[in-house]
């Protein structure tokens, strides 16, 4: 157990630090500090020694040099169990420092501000803080190091139980957190500066560093012979599977997490209507809008009830008892939504294996970030596909203009098509999928599969294609099925052929100028 006789406290984020300092002072701990932290602690009545007094060397260079001194780092790195270390410390008048409480200059918050200059960014690169943290963490058997104010309460509780001492087990865990945080801090600096090596600011830096934390170990990956774990980003602001809470059910699997992500991301496309989607192997097998969760789910299931068996269902509104009762009548792997009524949760209890997941409120949030795809020996990094256009804003390319009802249906179809694996073809009404063709090597094959799987009438529906039709055969197949309007990106060298085909069949067609490949 490490006895805390002397602590160095110097923090940028002063959350809870006064209460913590008062707590350790009860054990007679001497407190060293600097700058604003020292001032705040003194004003609260605590006895504080300036680091400059402790080292006998003044702060200098606008505060850049204050803790970078042998008496600080000797006091942190000296091993208490090593007689030679202790003798050298005694020879040079170095007193041990048993605790370091430091958090770092807010580099990430600084560079996130609009108009931040390179000079401002560099001034907010902490040097002394990471150096002290790493020194203390390296000597964790003898030194308690705290980089996160969330750990204040735990350390104080342990000191209360053990007469002012902290266990080596706790010190090790705190030291690991230090190296995790300093790695992330250095990564943020590297990313920021690495994007500024040339004349312009690059979107992707020379090296790309990302830190994620383990949320849970998984029983296995996509298949039992593969090991797996689920990692999440350090800060997740947008409602998503990464910050969802599991309310009941079996442990999540690798495939569950992928499908839950597909489900919630699909229904997030709809802001003003109740939406439900059923996901199977990352693809929607049915999606619909409705006046209630029950109506939306039933209409989504109508598209492909066979594939819905064993699927994952996503909602963009609170799930009520009526919907929960119907959901419980079919075998499902999981349900994800921004909320559940008490009645719904009570109903789900009878299906104890069903994973019930709740995401934060999805009515208002910022969408940003990157998609990462690992290949052997490398990593592909791209911005998320957040693009979306309204059908009304698309370019009309045919003689016939879509009717208002067709425009509404084209909007719905385009939003669903975005979440179907390429080559993607989707037949819909204005609020319900009718047929979905996904992941085929030929676009016309996707069209045929969507028609073959359709249980609802295809005639009178609209069609969305995630990329352009390379030949007119896709339009001919749509016409044969009874499609009245098409939304597609356009951009093929044979666009005129597909436009001619649409005109011959009396189909209205608009070009988005945007594609939604999903590989």
Protein backbone atom coordinates (compact mmCIF):
# COMPACT_ATOMS: atom_id res chain seq x y z
CA UNK A 1 0.00 0.00 0.00
CA UNK A 2 1.30 3.44 -0.96
CA UNK A 3 1.11 6.05 1.80
CA UNK A 4 0.28 9.49 0.42
CA UNK A 5 2.58 11.91 2.21
CA UNK A 6 3.02 14.43 -0.60
CA UNK A 7 0.77 15.18 -3.62
CA UNK A 8 1.28 17.41 -6.65
CA UNK A 9 -2.01 18.84 -7.95
CA UNK A 10 -2.16 20.92 -11.14
CA UNK A 11 -5.27 20.71 -13.31
CA UNK A 12 -6.86 22.53 -16.24
CA UNK A 13 -10.29 21.02 -15.55
CA UNK A 14 -10.93 21.86 -11.92
CA UNK A 15 -14.09 19.77 -11.56
CA UNK A 16 -14.12 18.25 -8.05
CA UNK A 17 -10.47 19.04 -7.35
CA UNK A 18 -11.11 21.23 -4.30
CA UNK A 19 -13.15 18.53 -2.57
CA UNK A 20 -10.49 15.98 -3.45
CA UNK A 21 -7.66 18.15 -2.10
CA UNK A 22 -9.60 18.74 1.11
CA UNK A 23 -10.10 14.97 1.37
CA UNK A 24 -6.43 14.05 1.13
CA UNK A 25 -5.42 16.95 3.41
CA UNK A 26 -7.22 15.17 6.26
CA UNK A 27 -4.40 12.60 6.26
CA UNK A 28 -1.71 15.26 6.65
CA UNK A 29 -0.74 15.09 2.98
CA UNK A 30 1.48 17.96 1.87
CA UNK A 31 0.10 19.62 -1.28
CA UNK A 32 2.27 21.02 -4.06
CA UNK A 33 0.63 23.02 -6.83
CA UNK A 34 1.01 25.63 -9.56
CA UNK A 35 -0.77 28.63 -11.04
CA UNK A 36 -4.54 28.79 -10.94
CA UNK A 37 -4.91 25.50 -9.10
CA UNK A 38 -2.68 26.71 -6.24
CA UNK A 39 -4.61 29.98 -6.05
CA UNK A 40 -7.98 28.22 -5.84
CA UNK A 41 -6.83 25.80 -3.14
CA UNK A 42 -5.29 28.58 -1.04
CA UNK A 43 -8.44 30.68 -1.27
CA UNK A 44 -10.33 27.69 0.11
CA UNK A 45 -8.03 27.66 3.17
CA UNK A 46 -5.70 24.80 2.24
CA UNK A 47 -1.94 24.97 2.89
CA UNK A 48 -0.23 24.79 -0.49
CA UNK A 49 3.45 24.90 -1.49
CA UNK A 50 4.29 26.27 -4.92
CA UNK A 51 6.26 23.87 -7.08
CA UNK A 52 8.83 26.63 -7.64
CA UNK A 53 9.44 26.74 -3.87
CA UNK A 54 9.69 22.94 -3.76
CA UNK A 55 12.28 22.84 -6.58
CA UNK A 56 14.07 26.08 -5.70
CA UNK A 57 13.72 27.07 -9.36
CA UNK A 58 11.31 29.74 -10.62
CA UNK A 59 8.63 29.25 -13.27
CA UNK A 60 9.87 30.70 -16.55
CA UNK A 61 9.22 31.08 -20.28
CA UNK A 62 5.59 32.13 -19.73
CA UNK A 63 4.98 29.09 -17.54
CA UNK A 64 6.30 26.61 -20.08
CA UNK A 65 8.94 25.48 -17.59
CA UNK A 66 7.73 24.89 -14.06
CA UNK A 67 7.50 21.14 -13.34
CA UNK A 68 10.26 19.96 -15.70
CA UNK A 69 12.81 19.64 -12.90
CA UNK A 70 14.83 16.77 -11.35
CA UNK A 71 13.29 17.38 -7.93
CA UNK A 72 9.84 16.75 -9.42
CA UNK A 73 10.71 13.79 -11.63
CA UNK A 74 13.22 12.36 -9.17
CA UNK A 75 10.47 12.50 -6.54
CA UNK A 76 8.14 10.62 -8.90
CA UNK A 77 10.51 8.09 -10.46
CA UNK A 78 12.56 7.16 -7.38
CA UNK A 79 11.72 3.57 -6.43
CA UNK A 80 11.05 3.36 -2.70
CA UNK A 81 12.18 -0.28 -2.61
CA UNK A 82 15.55 0.48 -4.22
CA UNK A 83 18.24 1.52 -1.68
CA UNK A 84 20.41 3.11 -4.38
CA UNK A 85 17.50 5.28 -5.53
CA UNK A 86 16.77 6.35 -1.98
CA UNK A 87 20.43 7.18 -1.36
CA UNK A 88 20.64 9.34 -4.48
CA UNK A 89 17.38 11.12 -3.57
CA UNK A 90 18.80 11.83 -0.13
CA UNK A 91 22.11 13.03 -1.61
CA UNK A 92 20.41 15.53 -3.90
CA UNK A 93 17.68 16.65 -1.51
CA UNK A 94 14.88 15.05 -3.56
CA UNK A 95 11.72 14.40 -1.56
CA UNK A 96 9.30 11.70 -2.73
CA UNK A 97 6.03 12.72 -4.39
CA UNK A 98 3.47 10.00 -3.74
CA UNK A 99 0.55 11.32 -5.76
CA UNK A 100 0.09 13.29 -8.98
CA UNK A 101 -3.27 14.80 -9.93
CA UNK A 102 -3.01 16.30 -13.40
CA UNK A 103 -5.24 16.76 -16.41
CA UNK A 104 -4.04 18.16 -19.67
CA UNK A 105 -4.42 21.41 -21.57
CA UNK A 106 -7.65 21.13 -23.58
CA UNK A 107 -6.01 20.63 -26.98
CA UNK A 108 -8.96 18.89 -28.66
CA UNK A 109 -11.47 21.46 -27.38
CA UNK A 110 -9.19 24.28 -28.54
CA UNK A 111 -8.74 23.02 -32.11
CA UNK A 112 -12.48 22.29 -32.36
CA UNK A 113 -13.23 26.01 -31.99
CA UNK A 114 -13.97 27.86 -35.20
CA UNK A 115 -11.07 30.06 -36.27
CA UNK A 116 -8.47 28.31 -34.12
CA UNK A 117 -5.02 29.25 -35.42
CA UNK A 118 -2.01 26.98 -35.59
CA UNK A 119 -0.33 29.16 -32.94
CA UNK A 120 -3.29 28.74 -30.55
CA UNK A 121 -3.26 25.01 -31.12
CA UNK A 122 0.46 24.69 -30.39
CA UNK A 123 0.17 26.80 -27.22
CA UNK A 124 -2.40 24.26 -25.99
CA UNK A 125 -0.04 21.31 -26.36
CA UNK A 126 0.74 20.27 -22.81
CA UNK A 127 4.35 19.24 -22.16
CA UNK A 128 4.83 19.21 -18.40
CA UNK A 129 1.51 17.47 -17.71
CA UNK A 130 2.06 14.36 -19.85
CA UNK A 131 5.66 14.17 -18.62
CA UNK A 132 4.62 14.09 -14.97
CA UNK A 133 1.78 11.69 -15.68
CA UNK A 134 4.06 9.25 -17.47
CA UNK A 135 6.74 9.47 -14.77
CA UNK A 136 4.20 8.77 -12.06
CA UNK A 137 2.52 6.00 -14.05
CA UNK A 138 5.84 4.27 -14.73
CA UNK A 139 6.48 4.18 -10.97
CA UNK A 140 2.91 3.15 -10.12
CA UNK A 141 3.88 0.71 -7.33
CA UNK A 142 4.91 3.78 -5.31
CA UNK A 143 2.91 6.62 -6.84
CA UNK A 144 -0.82 7.18 -7.23
CA UNK A 145 -1.58 9.08 -10.44
CA UNK A 146 -4.98 10.56 -11.31
CA UNK A 147 -5.75 11.96 -14.76
CA UNK A 148 -9.57 11.71 -14.64
CA UNK A 149 -11.69 13.54 -12.05
CA UNK A 150 -14.12 10.62 -12.19
CA UNK A 151 -11.55 8.69 -10.12
CA UNK A 152 -11.42 11.18 -7.20
CA UNK A 153 -14.26 9.55 -5.30
CA UNK A 154 -12.88 6.03 -5.68
CA UNK A 155 -9.40 7.02 -4.44
CA UNK A 156 -10.77 8.95 -1.47
CA UNK A 157 -12.94 5.98 -0.52
CA UNK A 158 -9.95 3.64 -0.61
CA UNK A 159 -7.86 6.05 1.44
CA UNK A 160 -10.66 6.23 4.01
CA UNK A 161 -10.72 2.45 4.30
CA UNK A 162 -6.93 2.09 4.53
CA UNK A 163 -5.70 4.95 6.70
CA UNK A 164 -4.65 7.23 3.85
CA UNK A 165 -3.05 4.59 1.62
CA UNK A 166 -3.86 3.37 -1.91
CA UNK A 167 -3.39 -0.22 -3.08
CA UNK A 168 -0.98 -1.29 -5.80
CA UNK A 169 -3.90 -2.77 -7.73
CA UNK A 170 -5.64 0.61 -7.84
CA UNK A 171 -2.40 2.37 -8.69
CA UNK A 172 -1.86 0.02 -11.64
CA UNK A 173 -5.37 0.63 -13.00
CA UNK A 174 -4.86 4.39 -12.68
CA UNK A 175 -1.49 4.14 -14.42
CA UNK A 176 -3.02 2.24 -17.34
CA UNK A 177 -5.59 5.00 -17.73
CA UNK A 178 -2.77 7.55 -17.88
CA UNK A 179 -1.07 5.80 -20.78
CA UNK A 180 -4.40 5.43 -22.55
CA UNK A 181 -5.18 9.13 -22.19
CA UNK A 182 -1.72 10.38 -23.12
CA UNK A 183 -1.78 8.12 -26.20
CA UNK A 184 -5.12 9.63 -27.25
CA UNK A 185 -3.82 13.12 -26.54
CA UNK A 186 -0.70 12.58 -28.65
CA UNK A 187 -2.87 11.02 -31.36
CA UNK A 188 -5.08 14.11 -31.53
CA UNK A 189 -2.02 16.34 -31.84
CA UNK A 190 -0.52 14.09 -34.51
CA UNK A 191 -3.75 14.09 -36.53
CA UNK A 192 -4.12 17.86 -36.31
CA UNK A 193 -0.53 18.74 -37.21
CA UNK A 194 -0.22 15.95 -39.78
CA UNK A 195 -3.00 17.53 -41.82
CA UNK A 196 -1.01 20.78 -42.06
CA UNK A 197 2.23 19.64 -43.63
CA UNK A 198 1.52 21.24 -47.01
CA UNK A 199 0.17 24.54 -48.25
CA UNK A 200 -3.44 23.53 -47.56
CA UNK A 201 -5.16 21.74 -44.71
CA UNK A 202 -5.73 18.14 -45.72
CA UNK A 203 -8.92 16.33 -44.73
CA UNK A 204 -6.91 13.20 -44.00
CA UNK A 205 -3.59 13.61 -42.12
CA UNK A 206 -0.28 11.99 -43.00
CA UNK A 207 -0.92 9.42 -40.27
CA UNK A 208 -4.33 8.60 -38.85
CA UNK A 209 -4.62 7.80 -35.15
CA UNK A 210 -7.84 6.78 -33.45
CA UNK A 211 -8.38 5.47 -29.95
CA UNK A 212 -11.37 3.37 -29.03
CA UNK A 213 -12.17 1.72 -25.70
CA UNK A 214 -13.42 -1.78 -25.15
CA UNK A 215 -17.10 -1.91 -24.31
CA UNK A 216 -17.27 -5.67 -24.02
CA UNK A 217 -15.72 -8.96 -25.05
CA UNK A 218 -17.85 -11.01 -27.42
CA UNK A 219 -18.27 -14.78 -27.39
CA UNK A 220 -16.98 -14.90 -30.97
CA UNK A 221 -16.99 -12.92 -34.20
CA UNK A 222 -19.03 -13.50 -37.35
CA UNK A 223 -18.27 -17.21 -36.93
CA UNK A 224 -17.35 -19.30 -33.87
CA UNK A 225 -13.75 -19.75 -35.02
CA UNK A 226 -13.18 -15.97 -34.87
CA UNK A 227 -12.51 -14.07 -31.63
CA UNK A 228 -14.03 -10.60 -31.19
CA UNK A 229 -14.60 -7.60 -28.95
CA UNK A 230 -16.73 -4.45 -29.26
CA UNK A 231 -14.86 -1.14 -29.03
CA UNK A 232 -16.46 2.32 -28.95
CA UNK A 233 -15.09 5.79 -29.54
CA UNK A 234 -14.00 7.80 -26.49
CA UNK A 235 -16.74 10.39 -26.98
CA UNK A 236 -19.99 9.44 -28.70
CA UNK A 237 -22.48 12.31 -28.96
CA UNK A 238 -24.79 10.98 -31.69
CA UNK A 239 -27.44 8.39 -30.71
CA UNK A 240 -26.21 5.05 -32.07
CA UNK A 241 -25.57 1.44 -31.18
CA UNK A 242 -22.28 2.45 -29.51
CA UNK A 243 -24.11 4.36 -26.74
CA UNK A 244 -27.20 2.18 -26.60
CA UNK A 245 -28.15 0.61 -23.27
CA UNK A 246 -29.17 -3.03 -23.10
CA UNK A 247 -32.32 -3.28 -21.00
CA UNK A 248 -32.73 -7.06 -21.19
CA UNK A 249 -31.85 -10.16 -23.17
CA UNK A 250 -28.95 -12.40 -24.02
CA UNK A 251 -25.43 -11.12 -24.46
CA UNK A 252 -24.92 -9.22 -27.70
CA UNK A 253 -23.11 -11.02 -30.50
CA UNK A 254 -20.83 -9.59 -33.17
CA UNK A 255 -23.56 -9.95 -35.81
CA UNK A 256 -26.20 -8.45 -33.48
CA UNK A 257 -24.16 -5.27 -33.13
CA UNK A 258 -23.71 -4.89 -36.88
CA UNK A 259 -27.43 -5.42 -37.51
CA UNK A 260 -28.46 -3.11 -34.66
CA UNK A 261 -26.29 -0.42 -36.21
CA UNK A 262 -27.99 -0.95 -39.59
CA UNK A 263 -31.44 -0.77 -37.97
CA UNK A 264 -31.02 2.45 -36.02
CA UNK A 265 -29.14 4.20 -38.85
CA UNK A 266 -31.97 3.38 -41.27
CA UNK A 267 -34.80 4.76 -39.12
CA UNK A 268 -32.76 7.89 -38.35
CA UNK A 269 -33.39 8.90 -41.98
CA UNK A 270 -36.97 9.76 -41.02
CA UNK A 271 -37.52 12.76 -38.76
CA UNK A 272 -41.19 13.69 -39.10
CA UNK A 273 -42.84 10.24 -39.22
CA UNK A 274 -42.91 7.09 -37.17
CA UNK A 275 -40.63 4.57 -38.92
CA UNK A 276 -39.83 0.90 -38.42
CA UNK A 277 -37.33 -1.34 -40.18
CA UNK A 278 -36.54 -5.03 -40.00
CA UNK A 279 -32.91 -5.94 -40.63
CA UNK A 280 -31.54 -9.30 -41.74
CA UNK A 281 -27.81 -9.69 -42.37
CA UNK A 282 -27.36 -5.88 -42.44
CA UNK A 283 -30.02 -5.37 -45.15
CA UNK A 284 -33.55 -4.05 -44.64
CA UNK A 285 -36.00 -6.84 -45.46
CA UNK A 286 -38.90 -4.49 -44.77
CA UNK A 287 -39.43 -0.87 -43.79
CA UNK A 288 -42.49 1.31 -43.39
CA UNK A 289 -43.96 4.46 -41.93
CA UNK A 290 -47.08 4.48 -39.77
CA UNK A 291 -49.20 6.41 -37.33
CA UNK A 292 -48.09 4.14 -34.48
CA UNK A 293 -45.17 1.79 -33.78
CA UNK A 294 -47.51 -1.17 -34.29
CA UNK A 295 -48.72 0.03 -37.68
CA UNK A 296 -45.19 0.82 -38.88
CA UNK A 297 -43.91 -2.60 -37.78
CA UNK A 298 -46.80 -4.57 -39.28
CA UNK A 299 -46.43 -2.80 -42.61
CA UNK A 300 -42.66 -3.36 -42.58
CA UNK A 301 -43.18 -7.08 -41.89
CA UNK A 302 -45.64 -7.39 -44.77
CA UNK A 303 -42.80 -6.84 -47.23
CA UNK A 304 -41.01 -10.10 -46.34
CA UNK A 305 -42.39 -11.93 -43.29
CA UNK A 306 -40.23 -15.00 -43.96
CA UNK A 307 -36.97 -13.02 -43.76
CA UNK A 308 -38.29 -11.08 -40.76
CA UNK A 309 -38.09 -14.28 -38.69
CA UNK A 310 -34.97 -13.99 -36.53
CA UNK A 311 -34.41 -10.38 -37.58
CA UNK A 312 -33.64 -7.18 -35.73
CA UNK A 313 -36.23 -4.40 -35.57
CA UNK A 314 -35.50 -0.70 -35.29
CA UNK A 315 -37.84 2.18 -34.43
CA UNK A 316 -37.32 5.94 -34.37
CA UNK A 317 -39.99 6.52 -31.72
CA UNK A 318 -40.93 5.04 -28.33
CA UNK A 319 -42.23 1.47 -28.51
CA UNK A 320 -45.57 1.00 -26.76
CA UNK A 321 -47.36 -2.05 -25.38
CA UNK A 322 -49.31 -2.82 -28.55
CA UNK A 323 -46.14 -2.96 -30.62
CA UNK A 324 -44.28 -4.98 -27.96
CA UNK A 325 -47.07 -7.56 -27.89
CA UNK A 326 -46.88 -8.03 -31.66
CA UNK A 327 -43.07 -8.09 -31.64
CA UNK A 328 -43.18 -10.83 -29.01
CA UNK A 329 -45.34 -13.02 -31.26
CA UNK A 330 -42.40 -13.59 -33.66
CA UNK A 331 -38.90 -14.85 -32.98
CA UNK A 332 -36.62 -11.80 -33.07
CA UNK A 333 -33.00 -11.37 -32.10
CA UNK A 334 -33.26 -7.78 -30.88
CA UNK A 335 -35.22 -4.53 -30.85
CA UNK A 336 -33.65 -1.06 -30.79
CA UNK A 337 -35.51 2.21 -30.18
CA UNK A 338 -35.13 5.54 -28.36
CA UNK A 339 -37.58 4.48 -25.66
CA UNK A 340 -40.11 1.99 -24.34
CA UNK A 341 -43.24 2.38 -22.25
CA UNK A 342 -43.42 0.51 -18.95
CA UNK A 343 -46.08 -1.73 -20.46
CA UNK A 344 -43.79 -2.60 -23.37
CA UNK A 345 -40.90 -3.51 -21.06
CA UNK A 346 -43.22 -5.68 -18.96
CA UNK A 347 -44.35 -7.55 -22.07
CA UNK A 348 -40.77 -8.11 -23.23
CA UNK A 349 -39.92 -9.73 -19.90
CA UNK A 350 -41.84 -12.82 -21.07
CA UNK A 351 -39.30 -13.09 -23.90
CA UNK A 352 -36.21 -12.97 -21.71
CA UNK A 353 -33.79 -13.82 -24.54
CA UNK A 354 -34.85 -10.91 -26.76
CA UNK A 355 -32.23 -8.19 -26.61
CA UNK A 356 -33.97 -4.88 -25.90
CA UNK A 357 -31.71 -1.92 -26.70
CA UNK A 358 -32.38 1.76 -26.01
CA UNK A 359 -30.53 4.62 -27.72
CA UNK A 360 -30.57 8.24 -26.52
CA UNK A 361 -33.18 10.61 -27.92
CA UNK A 362 -32.85 10.87 -31.70
CA UNK A 363 -34.97 13.97 -32.29
CA UNK A 364 -31.96 16.30 -32.50
CA UNK A 365 -28.27 15.53 -33.04
CA UNK A 366 -25.28 16.29 -35.25
CA UNK A 367 -24.20 13.62 -37.72
CA UNK A 368 -20.49 13.47 -38.47
CA UNK A 369 -17.47 11.23 -38.30
CA UNK A 370 -15.71 8.59 -40.37
CA UNK A 371 -16.28 5.06 -41.58
CA UNK A 372 -13.36 2.68 -41.26
CA UNK A 373 -12.89 -0.53 -43.22
CA UNK A 374 -9.98 -2.86 -42.51
CA UNK A 375 -8.23 -4.73 -45.29
CA UNK A 376 -5.27 -7.02 -44.82
CA UNK A 377 -2.30 -4.77 -44.21
CA UNK A 378 -4.21 -1.51 -44.38
CA UNK A 379 -7.16 0.64 -43.37
CA UNK A 380 -9.62 2.56 -45.54
CA UNK A 381 -10.94 5.77 -43.97
CA UNK A 382 -13.83 7.73 -45.45
CA UNK A 383 -16.44 10.24 -44.37
CA UNK A 384 -19.83 8.77 -43.51
CA UNK A 385 -22.43 8.77 -46.27
CA UNK A 386 -24.61 11.52 -44.83
CA UNK A 387 -25.73 12.90 -48.18
CA UNK A 388 -29.42 13.03 -49.00
CA UNK A 389 -31.48 14.88 -51.60
CA UNK A 390 -35.23 15.38 -51.86
CA UNK A 391 -36.88 13.91 -54.92
CA UNK A 392 -38.44 17.30 -55.67
CA UNK A 393 -34.95 18.80 -55.92
CA UNK A 394 -33.73 16.16 -58.36
CA UNK A 395 -33.36 16.68 -62.10
CA UNK A 396 -36.39 15.63 -64.13
CA UNK A 397 -35.14 13.77 -67.22
CA UNK A 398 -38.32 12.29 -68.70
CA UNK A 399 -41.28 13.71 -70.56
CA UNK A 400 -43.63 12.83 -67.71
CA UNK A 401 -43.21 14.53 -64.34
CA UNK A 402 -43.86 12.47 -61.19
CA UNK A 403 -47.17 13.17 -59.50
CA UNK A 404 -47.10 14.59 -55.93
CA UNK A 405 -47.81 11.10 -54.59
CA UNK A 406 -44.97 9.64 -56.69
CA UNK A 407 -42.55 12.29 -55.44
CA UNK A 408 -43.45 11.34 -51.88
CA UNK A 409 -42.88 7.67 -52.69
CA UNK A 410 -39.57 8.42 -54.42
CA UNK A 411 -38.38 10.22 -51.28
CA UNK A 412 -39.20 7.20 -49.13
CA UNK A 413 -37.62 4.77 -51.60
CA UNK A 414 -34.40 6.79 -51.88
CA UNK A 415 -33.93 6.87 -48.10
CA UNK A 416 -34.37 3.11 -47.78
CA UNK A 417 -32.23 2.35 -50.84
CA UNK A 418 -29.32 4.17 -49.19
CA UNK A 419 -29.18 1.41 -46.55
CA UNK A 420 -29.39 -1.60 -48.88
CA UNK A 421 -26.19 -3.35 -50.01
CA UNK A 422 -25.14 -2.77 -53.62
CA UNK A 423 -26.36 -3.45 -56.17
CA UNK A 424 -29.55 -2.18 -54.54
CA UNK A 425 -33.04 -1.98 -56.04
CA UNK A 426 -36.05 -1.03 -53.91
CA UNK A 427 -39.73 -0.98 -54.87
CA UNK A 428 -41.95 1.05 -52.55
CA UNK A 429 -45.18 2.92 -52.11
CA UNK A 430 -45.05 6.29 -50.40
CA UNK A 431 -44.62 4.67 -46.98
CA UNK A 432 -43.91 0.95 -47.36
CA UNK A 433 -41.31 -1.28 -49.01
CA UNK A 434 -42.77 -3.80 -51.44
CA UNK A 435 -39.71 -5.53 -52.85
CA UNK A 436 -35.97 -5.31 -52.09
CA UNK A 437 -33.11 -6.67 -54.17
CA UNK A 438 -29.70 -6.47 -52.50
CA UNK A 439 -26.08 -7.36 -53.02
CA UNK A 440 -26.25 -8.72 -56.57
CA UNK A 441 -23.45 -8.49 -59.11
CA UNK A 442 -25.92 -7.32 -61.76
CA UNK A 443 -28.39 -4.49 -61.23
CA UNK A 444 -31.04 -6.13 -63.39
CA UNK A 445 -30.74 -9.28 -61.23
CA UNK A 446 -31.45 -7.15 -58.15
CA UNK A 447 -34.57 -5.86 -59.93
CA UNK A 448 -35.75 -9.37 -60.73
CA UNK A 449 -35.12 -10.63 -57.19
CA UNK A 450 -37.02 -7.66 -55.72
CA UNK A 451 -40.02 -8.53 -57.92
CA UNK A 452 -39.78 -12.25 -57.19
CA UNK A 453 -39.72 -11.71 -53.42
CA UNK A 454 -42.55 -9.16 -53.42
CA UNK A 455 -45.70 -10.40 -51.68
CA UNK A 456 -47.50 -7.09 -52.05
CA UNK A 457 -48.56 -5.73 -55.48
CA UNK A 458 -45.61 -4.25 -57.35
CA UNK A 459 -47.76 -2.57 -60.00
CA UNK A 460 -48.09 1.13 -59.19
CA UNK A 461 -44.94 1.31 -57.05
CA UNK A 462 -41.84 3.45 -57.57
CA UNK A 463 -38.27 2.22 -57.85
CA UNK A 464 -35.02 3.47 -56.32
CA UNK A 465 -31.60 2.37 -57.56
CA UNK A 466 -28.49 3.14 -55.52
CA UNK A 467 -26.40 3.74 -58.68
CA UNK A 468 -27.09 4.39 -62.33
CA UNK A 469 -28.54 1.82 -64.73
CA UNK A 470 -25.71 0.84 -67.09
CA UNK A 471 -28.22 -0.46 -69.65
CA UNK A 472 -31.87 0.10 -70.40
CA UNK A 473 -32.74 -3.49 -69.37
CA UNK A 474 -33.18 -2.34 -65.77
CA UNK A 475 -35.81 0.20 -66.80
CA UNK A 476 -37.51 -2.36 -69.07
CA UNK A 477 -37.69 -4.82 -66.16
CA UNK A 478 -39.16 -2.10 -63.93
CA UNK A 479 -41.79 -1.28 -66.54
CA UNK A 480 -42.69 -4.95 -66.89
CA UNK A 481 -43.25 -5.07 -63.12
CA UNK A 482 -45.57 -2.05 -63.29
CA UNK A 483 -43.34 0.68 -61.84
CA UNK A 484 -44.58 4.22 -62.52
CA UNK A 485 -41.57 6.32 -61.41
CA UNK A 486 -37.83 5.85 -60.88
CA UNK A 487 -35.23 7.68 -58.82
CA UNK A 488 -31.59 6.98 -59.65
CA UNK A 489 -28.26 8.85 -59.65
CA UNK A 490 -27.74 9.04 -63.42
CA UNK A 491 -24.27 9.49 -64.85
CA UNK A 492 -24.02 6.50 -67.18
CA UNK A 493 -22.72 6.90 -70.72
CA UNK A 494 -26.02 5.24 -71.68
CA UNK A 495 -28.27 7.61 -69.71
CA UNK A 496 -30.03 8.61 -72.95
CA UNK A 497 -30.96 4.98 -73.57
CA UNK A 498 -32.50 4.62 -70.10
CA UNK A 499 -34.32 7.94 -70.46
CA UNK A 500 -35.67 6.83 -73.84
CA UNK A 501 -36.81 3.54 -72.29
CA UNK A 502 -38.60 5.37 -69.48
CA UNK A 503 -40.35 7.65 -71.99
CA UNK A 504 -41.43 4.68 -74.08
CA UNK A 505 -42.99 3.07 -71.01
CA UNK A 506 -44.55 6.28 -69.69
CA UNK A 507 -42.37 6.16 -66.55
CA UNK A 508 -41.37 9.37 -64.79
CA UNK A 509 -37.70 9.45 -63.84
CA UNK A 510 -35.48 11.82 -61.84
CA UNK A 511 -31.70 11.88 -61.43
CA UNK A 512 -30.27 12.57 -57.96
CA UNK A 513 -26.69 13.21 -59.07
CA UNK A 514 -25.68 11.25 -55.95
CA UNK A 515 -25.13 7.53 -55.49
CA UNK A 516 -25.23 5.37 -52.35
CA UNK A 517 -22.96 2.35 -52.86
CA UNK A 518 -22.71 0.06 -49.82
CA UNK A 519 -20.07 -2.66 -50.05
